[in-house]
């Protein structure tokens, strides 16, 4: 009976670990990519290296360059989010450009 319990616990740990890895890979990684990109865009605008009006176009060009890889997919937003994208948010405008 103890062997069955030990095997059950080990199987649960392995399955839980794999499930946790997949969930982290699909969610946390996405938000880290978005956070780093948005922070970079905000610094570039604050330092006058990039104008806010150029960010949407930069998103479009970045999407063309990256194609449909995993990084580009992180910036894909729904139609509802596109409608609600703030004109005053650098991140929203970049994501809008990446989604077109």
N, C-alpha and C. Protein backbone atom coordinates (compact mmCIF):
# COMPACT_ATOMS: atom_id res chain seq x y z
N UNK A 1 0.82 -1.19 0.00
CA UNK A 1 0.00 0.00 0.00
C UNK A 1 0.87 1.26 0.00
N UNK A 2 1.98 1.24 0.71
CA UNK A 2 2.87 2.40 0.76
C UNK A 2 3.49 2.69 -0.61
N UNK A 3 3.77 1.64 -1.39
CA UNK A 3 4.33 1.85 -2.72
C UNK A 3 3.34 2.58 -3.61
N UNK A 4 2.06 2.21 -3.50
CA UNK A 4 1.04 2.88 -4.30
C UNK A 4 0.92 4.34 -3.92
N UNK A 5 1.01 4.61 -2.64
CA UNK A 5 0.91 5.99 -2.15
C UNK A 5 2.10 6.82 -2.64
N UNK A 6 3.29 6.25 -2.54
CA UNK A 6 4.49 6.94 -2.99
C UNK A 6 4.43 7.19 -4.49
N UNK A 7 4.02 6.19 -5.26
CA UNK A 7 3.90 6.36 -6.71
C UNK A 7 2.84 7.39 -7.06
N UNK A 8 1.75 7.40 -6.31
CA UNK A 8 0.69 8.40 -6.53
C UNK A 8 1.21 9.81 -6.28
N UNK A 9 1.93 9.97 -5.20
CA UNK A 9 2.49 11.29 -4.86
C UNK A 9 3.49 11.72 -5.92
N UNK A 10 4.36 10.83 -6.34
CA UNK A 10 5.36 11.16 -7.36
C UNK A 10 4.69 11.51 -8.69
N UNK A 11 3.69 10.74 -9.08
CA UNK A 11 2.97 11.03 -10.33
C UNK A 11 2.28 12.38 -10.24
N UNK A 12 1.69 12.67 -9.10
CA UNK A 12 1.02 13.97 -8.90
C UNK A 12 2.02 15.12 -8.99
N UNK A 13 3.19 14.94 -8.41
CA UNK A 13 4.21 15.98 -8.46
C UNK A 13 4.70 16.21 -9.89
N UNK A 14 4.90 15.15 -10.63
CA UNK A 14 5.36 15.28 -12.02
C UNK A 14 4.30 15.96 -12.87
N UNK A 15 3.06 15.51 -12.75
CA UNK A 15 1.97 16.11 -13.53
C UNK A 15 1.77 17.57 -13.12
N UNK A 16 1.80 17.84 -11.83
CA UNK A 16 1.66 19.22 -11.34
C UNK A 16 2.79 20.11 -11.82
N UNK A 17 4.00 19.58 -11.82
CA UNK A 17 5.14 20.36 -12.29
C UNK A 17 5.03 20.69 -13.77
N UNK A 18 4.63 19.71 -14.56
CA UNK A 18 4.46 19.95 -16.00
C UNK A 18 3.33 20.94 -16.26
N UNK A 19 2.23 20.79 -15.56
CA UNK A 19 1.11 21.71 -15.72
C UNK A 19 1.51 23.12 -15.31
N UNK A 20 2.22 23.25 -14.21
CA UNK A 20 2.69 24.56 -13.76
C UNK A 20 3.63 25.21 -14.76
N UNK A 21 4.50 24.41 -15.35
CA UNK A 21 5.43 24.93 -16.35
C UNK A 21 4.68 25.47 -17.56
N UNK A 22 3.70 24.71 -18.04
CA UNK A 22 2.93 25.13 -19.22
C UNK A 22 2.15 26.40 -18.92
N UNK A 23 1.51 26.47 -17.77
CA UNK A 23 0.74 27.66 -17.40
C UNK A 23 1.65 28.87 -17.30
N UNK A 24 2.79 28.71 -16.65
CA UNK A 24 3.74 29.81 -16.52
C UNK A 24 4.24 30.25 -17.89
N UNK A 25 4.56 29.30 -18.73
CA UNK A 25 5.07 29.61 -20.06
C UNK A 25 4.06 30.40 -20.88
N UNK A 26 2.79 30.10 -20.73
CA UNK A 26 1.75 30.74 -21.53
C UNK A 26 1.26 32.06 -20.94
N UNK A 27 1.46 32.30 -19.66
CA UNK A 27 0.91 33.53 -19.06
C UNK A 27 2.00 34.47 -18.54
N UNK A 28 2.76 34.02 -17.58
CA UNK A 28 3.75 34.89 -16.93
C UNK A 28 4.77 35.40 -17.94
N UNK A 29 5.24 34.53 -18.80
CA UNK A 29 6.23 34.94 -19.80
C UNK A 29 5.66 36.02 -20.71
N UNK A 30 4.40 35.88 -21.07
CA UNK A 30 3.74 36.88 -21.93
C UNK A 30 3.76 38.25 -21.26
N UNK A 31 3.40 38.29 -20.00
CA UNK A 31 3.34 39.58 -19.31
C UNK A 31 4.72 40.17 -19.06
N UNK A 32 5.72 39.33 -18.91
CA UNK A 32 7.09 39.84 -18.76
C UNK A 32 7.56 40.51 -20.06
N UNK A 33 7.24 39.89 -21.19
CA UNK A 33 7.61 40.46 -22.49
C UNK A 33 6.91 41.80 -22.69
N UNK A 34 5.62 41.84 -22.40
CA UNK A 34 4.84 43.07 -22.56
C UNK A 34 5.37 44.16 -21.63
N UNK A 35 5.63 43.81 -20.38
CA UNK A 35 6.12 44.79 -19.40
C UNK A 35 7.46 45.38 -19.82
N UNK A 36 8.37 44.53 -20.25
CA UNK A 36 9.69 45.02 -20.67
C UNK A 36 9.58 45.93 -21.89
N UNK A 37 8.76 45.55 -22.85
CA UNK A 37 8.60 46.35 -24.06
C UNK A 37 7.96 47.69 -23.75
N UNK A 38 6.90 47.67 -22.94
CA UNK A 38 6.21 48.92 -22.60
C UNK A 38 7.11 49.86 -21.81
N UNK A 39 7.90 49.31 -20.91
CA UNK A 39 8.84 50.14 -20.15
C UNK A 39 9.85 50.79 -21.08
N UNK A 40 10.36 50.03 -22.03
CA UNK A 40 11.33 50.56 -23.00
C UNK A 40 10.70 51.66 -23.84
N UNK A 41 9.48 51.45 -24.30
CA UNK A 41 8.79 52.47 -25.09
C UNK A 41 8.59 53.75 -24.29
N UNK A 42 8.18 53.61 -23.04
CA UNK A 42 7.95 54.79 -22.20
C UNK A 42 9.23 55.58 -21.97
N UNK A 43 10.33 54.88 -21.74
CA UNK A 43 11.61 55.56 -21.54
C UNK A 43 12.02 56.27 -22.83
N UNK A 44 11.84 55.62 -23.97
CA UNK A 44 12.20 56.23 -25.26
C UNK A 44 11.40 57.50 -25.51
N UNK A 45 10.12 57.50 -25.15
CA UNK A 45 9.29 58.70 -25.33
C UNK A 45 9.70 59.78 -24.33
N UNK A 46 9.93 59.40 -23.07
CA UNK A 46 10.33 60.37 -22.05
C UNK A 46 11.66 61.04 -22.40
N UNK A 47 12.57 60.31 -23.02
CA UNK A 47 13.89 60.84 -23.37
C UNK A 47 13.90 61.48 -24.76
N UNK A 48 12.73 61.65 -25.34
CA UNK A 48 12.58 62.27 -26.66
C UNK A 48 13.34 61.52 -27.76
N UNK A 49 13.49 60.22 -27.59
CA UNK A 49 14.12 59.40 -28.61
C UNK A 49 13.08 58.91 -29.62
N UNK A 50 11.83 58.98 -29.22
CA UNK A 50 10.72 58.49 -30.03
C UNK A 50 9.51 59.34 -29.70
N UNK A 51 8.76 59.71 -30.71
CA UNK A 51 7.55 60.49 -30.47
C UNK A 51 6.38 59.54 -30.24
N UNK A 52 5.48 59.93 -29.37
CA UNK A 52 4.32 59.09 -29.06
C UNK A 52 3.53 58.73 -30.31
N UNK A 53 3.47 59.64 -31.26
CA UNK A 53 2.72 59.41 -32.49
C UNK A 53 3.34 58.31 -33.35
N UNK A 54 4.59 57.96 -33.12
CA UNK A 54 5.29 56.95 -33.92
C UNK A 54 5.12 55.53 -33.39
N UNK A 55 4.57 55.40 -32.20
CA UNK A 55 4.56 54.10 -31.53
C UNK A 55 3.66 53.08 -32.25
N UNK A 56 2.49 53.51 -32.69
CA UNK A 56 1.59 52.58 -33.40
C UNK A 56 2.27 52.05 -34.67
N UNK A 57 2.92 52.95 -35.40
CA UNK A 57 3.63 52.53 -36.62
C UNK A 57 4.79 51.59 -36.27
N UNK A 58 5.47 51.86 -35.17
CA UNK A 58 6.55 50.98 -34.71
C UNK A 58 5.99 49.58 -34.42
N UNK A 59 4.81 49.52 -33.82
CA UNK A 59 4.16 48.23 -33.57
C UNK A 59 3.88 47.48 -34.86
N UNK A 60 3.39 48.19 -35.88
CA UNK A 60 3.12 47.56 -37.18
C UNK A 60 4.40 47.02 -37.81
N UNK A 61 5.45 47.83 -37.78
CA UNK A 61 6.73 47.41 -38.37
C UNK A 61 7.34 46.24 -37.61
N UNK A 62 7.20 46.26 -36.29
CA UNK A 62 7.72 45.16 -35.47
C UNK A 62 6.98 43.87 -35.79
N UNK A 63 5.67 43.96 -35.95
CA UNK A 63 4.86 42.78 -36.30
C UNK A 63 5.31 42.22 -37.64
N UNK A 64 5.58 43.09 -38.61
CA UNK A 64 6.05 42.63 -39.92
C UNK A 64 7.38 41.91 -39.80
N UNK A 65 8.26 42.43 -38.97
CA UNK A 65 9.59 41.85 -38.80
C UNK A 65 9.54 40.51 -38.06
N UNK A 66 8.73 40.45 -37.00
CA UNK A 66 8.66 39.24 -36.19
C UNK A 66 7.78 38.15 -36.79
N UNK A 67 6.84 38.54 -37.63
CA UNK A 67 5.91 37.56 -38.19
C UNK A 67 4.96 37.06 -37.11
N UNK A 68 4.76 35.76 -37.07
CA UNK A 68 3.82 35.17 -36.11
C UNK A 68 4.54 34.36 -35.03
N UNK A 69 5.75 34.74 -34.67
CA UNK A 69 6.45 33.97 -33.65
C UNK A 69 5.86 34.20 -32.26
N UNK A 70 6.39 33.53 -31.28
CA UNK A 70 5.86 33.58 -29.92
C UNK A 70 5.88 34.98 -29.34
N UNK A 71 6.93 35.73 -29.58
CA UNK A 71 7.02 37.08 -29.05
C UNK A 71 5.94 37.96 -29.64
N UNK A 72 5.73 37.88 -30.93
CA UNK A 72 4.68 38.68 -31.57
C UNK A 72 3.30 38.29 -31.05
N UNK A 73 3.09 37.01 -30.81
CA UNK A 73 1.80 36.54 -30.32
C UNK A 73 1.46 37.11 -28.95
N UNK A 74 2.47 37.45 -28.16
CA UNK A 74 2.23 38.02 -26.83
C UNK A 74 1.49 39.35 -26.92
N UNK A 75 1.63 40.04 -28.03
CA UNK A 75 1.04 41.37 -28.18
C UNK A 75 -0.31 41.35 -28.89
N UNK A 76 -0.78 40.19 -29.26
CA UNK A 76 -2.08 40.08 -29.94
C UNK A 76 -3.19 40.40 -28.95
N UNK A 77 -4.06 41.34 -29.34
CA UNK A 77 -5.17 41.71 -28.46
C UNK A 77 -6.50 41.50 -29.19
N UNK A 78 -7.55 41.35 -28.41
CA UNK A 78 -8.87 41.08 -28.97
C UNK A 78 -9.46 42.33 -29.62
N UNK A 79 -10.50 42.12 -30.41
CA UNK A 79 -11.18 43.25 -31.06
C UNK A 79 -11.73 44.23 -30.03
N UNK A 80 -12.24 43.71 -28.92
CA UNK A 80 -12.77 44.59 -27.87
C UNK A 80 -11.66 45.45 -27.27
N UNK A 81 -10.50 44.86 -27.06
CA UNK A 81 -9.37 45.62 -26.53
C UNK A 81 -8.89 46.65 -27.55
N UNK A 82 -8.97 46.31 -28.83
CA UNK A 82 -8.58 47.25 -29.88
C UNK A 82 -9.49 48.47 -29.84
N UNK A 83 -10.79 48.23 -29.67
CA UNK A 83 -11.75 49.33 -29.59
C UNK A 83 -11.49 50.22 -28.38
N UNK A 84 -11.04 49.62 -27.28
CA UNK A 84 -10.84 50.35 -26.04
C UNK A 84 -9.41 50.85 -25.84
N UNK A 85 -8.55 50.68 -26.82
CA UNK A 85 -7.15 51.09 -26.69
C UNK A 85 -7.05 52.60 -26.46
N UNK A 86 -6.32 52.96 -25.44
CA UNK A 86 -6.16 54.38 -25.10
C UNK A 86 -5.19 55.06 -26.07
N UNK A 87 -5.60 56.21 -26.55
CA UNK A 87 -4.73 56.99 -27.45
C UNK A 87 -3.54 57.58 -26.69
N UNK A 88 -3.65 57.65 -25.37
CA UNK A 88 -2.62 58.28 -24.54
C UNK A 88 -1.67 57.27 -23.91
N UNK A 89 -1.87 55.99 -24.19
CA UNK A 89 -1.02 54.95 -23.63
C UNK A 89 -0.06 54.44 -24.70
N UNK A 90 1.23 54.60 -24.44
CA UNK A 90 2.23 54.11 -25.38
C UNK A 90 2.10 52.60 -25.59
N UNK A 91 1.86 51.89 -24.51
CA UNK A 91 1.75 50.44 -24.59
C UNK A 91 0.52 50.03 -25.41
N UNK A 92 -0.60 50.67 -25.16
CA UNK A 92 -1.82 50.35 -25.92
C UNK A 92 -1.62 50.61 -27.41
N UNK A 93 -0.97 51.70 -27.74
CA UNK A 93 -0.76 52.03 -29.14
C UNK A 93 0.19 51.04 -29.82
N UNK A 94 1.22 50.60 -29.09
CA UNK A 94 2.14 49.61 -29.64
C UNK A 94 1.42 48.29 -29.87
N UNK A 95 0.62 47.87 -28.89
CA UNK A 95 -0.13 46.62 -29.02
C UNK A 95 -1.16 46.72 -30.14
N UNK A 96 -1.73 47.88 -30.31
CA UNK A 96 -2.68 48.11 -31.40
C UNK A 96 -1.97 47.93 -32.75
N UNK A 97 -0.79 48.52 -32.87
CA UNK A 97 0.00 48.35 -34.10
C UNK A 97 0.39 46.89 -34.33
N UNK A 98 0.75 46.19 -33.27
CA UNK A 98 1.13 44.77 -33.38
C UNK A 98 -0.05 43.89 -33.75
N UNK A 99 -1.26 44.33 -33.46
CA UNK A 99 -2.45 43.52 -33.71
C UNK A 99 -3.04 43.76 -35.09
N UNK A 100 -2.51 44.70 -35.84
CA UNK A 100 -3.06 45.01 -37.16
C UNK A 100 -2.31 44.29 -38.25
